[in-house]
C-alpha atoms as a PDB file:
ATOM      1  CA  MET A   1      91.966  78.609  87.511  1.00  0.00           C
ATOM      2  CA  ASN A   2      91.165  82.264  88.154  1.00  0.00           C
ATOM      3  CA  TYR A   3      93.973  83.046  90.574  1.00  0.00           C
ATOM      4  CA  TYR A   4      97.669  82.514  91.182  1.00  0.00           C
ATOM      5  CA  GLU A   5      99.155  83.053  94.643  1.00  0.00           C
ATOM      6  CA  ILE A   6     102.366  84.994  94.032  1.00  0.00           C
ATOM      7  CA  ALA A   7     104.016  85.270  97.445  1.00  0.00           C
ATOM      8  CA  ASP A   8     103.476  85.709 101.152  1.00  0.00           C
ATOM      9  CA  TYR A   9     104.418  89.371 100.797  1.00  0.00           C
ATOM     10  CA  ASN A  10     102.853  92.630 101.942  1.00  0.00           C
ATOM     11  CA  PRO A  11     103.361  95.289  99.229  1.00  0.00           C
ATOM     12  CA  ILE A  12     101.714  98.127 101.197  1.00  0.00           C
ATOM     13  CA  SER A  13     103.869 100.985 102.488  1.00  0.00           C
ATOM     14  CA  GLU A  14     104.092 101.215 106.268  1.00  0.00           C
ATOM     15  CA  ASN A  15     103.291 104.926 105.848  1.00  0.00           C
ATOM     16  CA  PHE A  16      99.952 104.343 104.121  1.00  0.00           C
ATOM     17  CA  ILE A  17      96.962 104.745 106.424  1.00  0.00           C
ATOM     18  CA  ILE A  18      93.725 103.066 105.393  1.00  0.00           C
ATOM     19  CA  PRO A  19      90.901 105.639 105.497  1.00  0.00           C
ATOM     20  CA  ARG A  20      88.291 104.657 108.068  1.00  0.00           C
ATOM     21  CA  ASP A  21      85.332 106.432 106.461  1.00  0.00           C
ATOM     22  CA  PHE A  22      83.452 104.004 104.247  1.00  0.00           C
ATOM     23  CA  LEU A  23      83.732 104.261 100.476  1.00  0.00           C
ATOM     24  CA  PRO A  24      83.356 101.072  98.405  1.00  0.00           C
ATOM     25  CA  ILE A  25      86.208 102.006  96.036  1.00  0.00           C
ATOM     26  CA  ARG A  26      89.072 104.502  96.044  1.00  0.00           C
ATOM     27  CA  ARG A  27      91.827 105.081  93.491  1.00  0.00           C
ATOM     28  CA  TYR A  28      95.450 105.935  94.269  1.00  0.00           C
ATOM     29  CA  ASP A  29      98.741 106.531  92.546  1.00  0.00           C
ATOM     30  CA  PRO A  30     100.841 103.381  93.201  1.00  0.00           C
ATOM     31  CA  ALA A  31     103.631 105.414  94.860  1.00  0.00           C
ATOM     32  CA  GLU A  32     101.123 106.597  97.524  1.00  0.00           C
ATOM     33  CA  VAL A  33     100.235 103.052  98.565  1.00  0.00           C
ATOM     34  CA  LEU A  34     103.020 100.626  97.686  1.00  0.00           C
ATOM     35  CA  SER A  35     106.284 100.329  99.579  1.00  0.00           C
ATOM     36  CA  PRO A  36     109.493 101.372  97.800  1.00  0.00           C
ATOM     37  CA  ASP A  37     110.533  97.697  97.862  1.00  0.00           C
ATOM     38  CA  ALA A  38     107.294  96.609  96.163  1.00  0.00           C
ATOM     39  CA  MET A  39     107.594  99.401  93.569  1.00  0.00           C
ATOM     40  CA  SER A  40     111.141  98.241  92.831  1.00  0.00           C
ATOM     41  CA  LYS A  41     110.056  94.610  92.435  1.00  0.00           C
ATOM     42  CA  PHE A  42     107.182  95.459  90.098  1.00  0.00           C
ATOM     43  CA  ASN A  43     109.451  97.717  88.040  1.00  0.00           C
ATOM     44  CA  PHE A  44     112.132  95.008  87.844  1.00  0.00           C
ATOM     45  CA  LEU A  45     109.540  92.565  86.502  1.00  0.00           C
ATOM     46  CA  GLY A  46     108.599  95.123  83.829  1.00  0.00           C
ATOM     47  CA  PHE A  47     105.222  96.287  85.129  1.00  0.00           C
ATOM     48  CA  ASN A  48     103.912  99.702  84.107  1.00  0.00           C
ATOM     49  CA  LEU A  49     101.753 100.329  87.184  1.00  0.00           C
ATOM     50  CA  ARG A  50      98.687 102.511  86.550  1.00  0.00           C
ATOM     51  CA  GLU A  51      96.913 102.709  89.911  1.00  0.00           C
ATOM     52  CA  VAL A  52      95.989 100.930  93.105  1.00  0.00           C
ATOM     53  CA  GLN A  53      92.270 100.561  93.714  1.00  0.00           C
ATOM     54  CA  LEU A  54      91.196 100.074  97.325  1.00  0.00           C
ATOM     55  CA  PHE A  55      87.961  98.097  97.643  1.00  0.00           C
ATOM     56  CA  THR A  56      86.229  98.150 101.032  1.00  0.00           C
ATOM     57  CA  THR A  57      83.685  95.456 101.884  1.00  0.00           C
ATOM     58  CA  PRO A  58      81.665  95.836 105.104  1.00  0.00           C
ATOM     59  CA  PRO A  59      81.371  92.967 107.609  1.00  0.00           C
ATOM     60  CA  TYR A  60      79.068  90.093 106.669  1.00  0.00           C
ATOM     61  CA  THR A  61      78.509  91.383 103.131  1.00  0.00           C
ATOM     62  CA  THR A  62      78.196  89.639  99.791  1.00  0.00           C
ATOM     63  CA  THR A  63      78.832  91.912  96.820  1.00  0.00           C
ATOM     64  CA  GLY A  64      77.081  91.605  93.479  1.00  0.00           C
ATOM     65  CA  ILE A  65      78.534  89.419  90.753  1.00  0.00           C
ATOM     66  CA  HIS A  66      80.352  91.489  88.137  1.00  0.00           C
ATOM     67  CA  ILE A  67      83.325  91.754  85.810  1.00  0.00           C
ATOM     68  CA  ASP A  68      85.753  94.658  85.820  1.00  0.00           C
ATOM     69  CA  GLY A  69      85.522  96.632  82.604  1.00  0.00           C
ATOM     70  CA  HIS A  70      83.090  96.234  79.742  1.00  0.00           C
ATOM     71  CA  ASP A  71      84.245  93.106  77.876  1.00  0.00           C
ATOM     72  CA  ILE A  72      83.608  89.610  79.202  1.00  0.00           C
ATOM     73  CA  ASN A  73      85.242  88.081  76.121  1.00  0.00           C
ATOM     74  CA  LYS A  74      88.798  88.919  77.092  1.00  0.00           C
ATOM     75  CA  SER A  75      91.156  88.205  79.952  1.00  0.00           C
ATOM     76  CA  LYS A  76      92.173  90.928  82.370  1.00  0.00           C
ATOM     77  CA  SER A  77      94.159  90.588  85.558  1.00  0.00           C
ATOM     78  CA  ALA A  78      94.881  92.498  88.729  1.00  0.00           C
ATOM     79  CA  ILE A  79      97.223  91.792  91.621  1.00  0.00           C
ATOM     80  CA  ASN A  80      95.358  91.824  94.919  1.00  0.00           C
ATOM     81  CA  PHE A  81      96.409  92.015  98.546  1.00  0.00           C
ATOM     82  CA  VAL A  82      93.827  91.839 101.328  1.00  0.00           C
ATOM     83  CA  VAL A  83      94.063  93.430 104.770  1.00  0.00           C
ATOM     84  CA  ASN A  84      91.832  92.714 107.765  1.00  0.00           C
ATOM     85  CA  GLY A  85      90.348  89.316 107.055  1.00  0.00           C
ATOM     86  CA  PRO A  86      90.409  87.606 103.688  1.00  0.00           C
ATOM     87  CA  GLY A  87      86.749  86.821 103.115  1.00  0.00           C
ATOM     88  CA  PHE A  88      86.348  84.988  99.824  1.00  0.00           C
ATOM     89  CA  MET A  89      86.708  86.009  96.206  1.00  0.00           C
ATOM     90  CA  LYS A  90      84.399  83.791  94.148  1.00  0.00           C
ATOM     91  CA  TRP A  91      84.324  83.243  90.387  1.00  0.00           C
ATOM     92  CA  TYR A  92      81.363  82.115  88.285  1.00  0.00           C
ATOM     93  CA  ARG A  93      80.492  80.796  84.886  1.00  0.00           C
ATOM     94  CA  LEU A  94      77.491  82.244  83.099  1.00  0.00           C
ATOM     95  CA  LYS A  95      74.681  79.717  82.628  1.00  0.00           C
ATOM     96  CA  ASN A  96      73.767  81.415  79.352  1.00  0.00           C
ATOM     97  CA  THR A  97      75.042  84.361  77.358  1.00  0.00           C
ATOM     98  CA  THR A  98      72.616  86.917  78.708  1.00  0.00           C
ATOM     99  CA  PRO A  99      74.314  90.259  78.154  1.00  0.00           C
ATOM    100  CA  SER A 100      74.683  92.555  81.113  1.00  0.00           C
ATOM    101  CA  SER A 101      74.525  96.311  81.094  1.00  0.00           C
ATOM    102  CA  SER A 102      77.738  98.289  81.374  1.00  0.00           C
ATOM    103  CA  MET A 103      78.012 100.672  84.309  1.00  0.00           C
ATOM    104  CA  THR A 104      80.553 102.963  85.912  1.00  0.00           C
ATOM    105  CA  THR A 105      81.253 103.218  89.640  1.00  0.00           C
ATOM    106  CA  THR A 106      81.311 106.537  91.485  1.00  0.00           C
ATOM    107  CA  ALA A 107      85.130 106.238  91.356  1.00  0.00           C
ATOM    108  CA  GLY A 108      84.981 106.132  87.553  1.00  0.00           C
ATOM    109  CA  THR A 109      85.739 102.437  86.979  1.00  0.00           C
ATOM    110  CA  GLY A 110      83.726 100.400  84.504  1.00  0.00           C
ATOM    111  CA  TYR A 111      82.002  97.115  85.296  1.00  0.00           C
ATOM    112  CA  MET A 112      79.228  94.801  84.160  1.00  0.00           C
ATOM    113  CA  SER A 113      76.919  93.138  86.682  1.00  0.00           C
ATOM    114  CA  TYR A 114      75.130  89.792  86.589  1.00  0.00           C
ATOM    115  CA  GLU A 115      72.266  88.243  88.541  1.00  0.00           C
ATOM    116  CA  PHE A 116      73.079  85.344  90.883  1.00  0.00           C
ATOM    117  CA  SER A 117      70.485  83.267  88.991  1.00  0.00           C
ATOM    118  CA  GLU A 118      72.553  83.700  85.772  1.00  0.00           C
ATOM    119  CA  CYS A 119      75.729  82.295  87.325  1.00  0.00           C
ATOM    120  CA  GLU A 120      77.193  79.044  88.600  1.00  0.00           C
ATOM    121  CA  LEU A 121      80.073  79.036  91.119  1.00  0.00           C
ATOM    122  CA  THR A 122      83.308  77.613  89.683  1.00  0.00           C
ATOM    123  CA  ASP A 123      86.113  78.761  91.983  1.00  0.00           C
ATOM    124  CA  SER A 124      86.791  80.588  95.244  1.00  0.00           C
ATOM    125  CA  LEU A 125      89.755  81.677  97.325  1.00  0.00           C
ATOM    126  CA  ALA A 126      90.340  83.325 100.673  1.00  0.00           C
ATOM    127  CA  ILE A 127      93.081  85.747  99.628  1.00  0.00           C
ATOM    128  CA  THR A 128      95.850  85.631 102.243  1.00  0.00           C
ATOM    129  CA  LYS A 129      98.846  86.350  99.992  1.00  0.00           C
ATOM    130  CA  LEU A 130      99.776  88.690  97.174  1.00  0.00           C
ATOM    131  CA  THR A 131      97.583  87.117  94.473  1.00  0.00           C
ATOM    132  CA  LEU A 132      97.047  87.514  90.739  1.00  0.00           C
ATOM    133  CA  VAL A 133      93.311  87.391  89.980  1.00  0.00           C
ATOM    134  CA  GLU A 134      91.241  87.206  86.793  1.00  0.00           C
ATOM    135  CA  VAL A 135      88.792  90.132  86.803  1.00  0.00           C
ATOM    136  CA  CYS A 136      86.980  89.590  83.466  1.00  0.00           C
ATOM    137  CA  GLN A 137      85.476  86.347  84.724  1.00  0.00           C
ATOM    138  CA  PRO A 138      82.267  87.044  86.683  1.00  0.00           C
ATOM    139  CA  HIS A 139      83.230  87.323  90.357  1.00  0.00           C
ATOM    140  CA  ASN A 140      82.188  88.735  93.704  1.00  0.00           C
ATOM    141  CA  ILE A 141      83.315  89.039  97.320  1.00  0.00           C
ATOM    142  CA  PHE A 142      81.889  87.364 100.396  1.00  0.00           C
ATOM    143  CA  ASN A 143      83.139  88.981 103.604  1.00  0.00           C
ATOM    144  CA  ASN A 144      82.180  86.526 106.316  1.00  0.00           C
ATOM    145  CA  THR A 145      84.026  88.371 109.097  1.00  0.00           C
ATOM    146  CA  ASN A 146      82.992  91.022 111.617  1.00  0.00           C
ATOM    147  CA  SER A 147      85.604  93.455 110.224  1.00  0.00           C
ATOM    148  CA  PHE A 148      85.820  95.638 107.158  1.00  0.00           C
ATOM    149  CA  ARG A 149      87.766  93.883 104.384  1.00  0.00           C
ATOM    150  CA  TYR A 150      90.279  96.055 102.518  1.00  0.00           C
ATOM    151  CA  CYS A 151      91.477  94.785  99.155  1.00  0.00           C
ATOM    152  CA  PHE A 152      94.336  96.620  97.467  1.00  0.00           C
ATOM    153  CA  SER A 153      94.049  95.879  93.747  1.00  0.00           C
ATOM    154  CA  ILE A 154      97.193  96.764  91.813  1.00  0.00           C
ATOM    155  CA  ARG A 155      96.355  97.686  88.225  1.00  0.00           C
ATOM    156  CA  HIS A 156      98.834  97.952  85.357  1.00  0.00           C
ATOM    157  CA  ASN A 157      98.944  99.169  81.762  1.00  0.00           C
ATOM    158  CA  ASP A 158     100.572  96.024  80.400  1.00  0.00           C
ATOM    159  CA  ALA A 159      98.746  93.541  78.211  1.00  0.00           C
ATOM    160  CA  SER A 160      96.842  92.226  81.188  1.00  0.00           C
ATOM    161  CA  ASP A 161      95.942  88.738  79.937  1.00  0.00           C
ATOM    162  CA  PHE A 162      95.947  86.544  83.045  1.00  0.00           C
ATOM    163  CA  ASN A 163      98.286  83.855  81.645  1.00  0.00           C
ATOM    164  CA  LEU A 164     100.833  86.381  80.318  1.00  0.00           C
ATOM    165  CA  ILE A 165     100.925  88.209  83.643  1.00  0.00           C
ATOM    166  CA  LYS A 166     101.152  84.881  85.497  1.00  0.00           C
ATOM    167  CA  GLU A 167     104.377  84.178  83.587  1.00  0.00           C
ATOM    168  CA  LYS A 168     105.780  87.531  84.744  1.00  0.00           C
ATOM    169  CA  VAL A 169     104.862  87.180  88.407  1.00  0.00           C
ATOM    170  CA  SER A 170     105.912  83.530  88.614  1.00  0.00           C
ATOM    171  CA  GLN A 171     109.478  84.900  88.728  1.00  0.00           C
ATOM    172  CA  TRP A 172     108.751  86.871  91.928  1.00  0.00           C
ATOM    173  CA  ASN A 173     110.076  84.370  94.489  1.00  0.00           C
ATOM    174  CA  ASN A 174     113.077  83.317  92.382  1.00  0.00           C
ATOM    175  CA  LEU A 175     114.276  86.881  91.972  1.00  0.00           C
ATOM    176  CA  PHE A 176     113.732  88.309  95.403  1.00  0.00           C
ATOM    177  CA  ASN A 177     114.315  85.708  98.131  1.00  0.00           C
END
């Protein structure tokens, strides 16, 4: 599985205003975006938060299939929270080992893209909760709504292997209810 639903919890500060001008990706210091309560919870669980990336997907848009970073042979996780319609995050398996070219977004983040013909759908989720997601498995977004989809992707400096981070966040509800 490429995701783990952590909690029905909104980590975004009530003071943060989502910019309305369109940019596909923005990068923020976590303290600018996350509520003090969320910052406290992540700190208590031992996370060394690096940044929050805000991905904006226009209405009725399917993004290209990609992995975050430049290494498909490792596991890497992020913690996502979606505002304004979940759309779907979809994960794929490569049909063969065709290498992809490494690229960098205008926001300075690395990724590798893949053609739809190279991939086979394996998993999908409409993200409606705070959710741990695997980002080194080929994936994309399908926004099937008439609204912009805003995904806050919380990134950390910890060993970000999906299963190790899943163990950390599985304590979320036990510690804070």
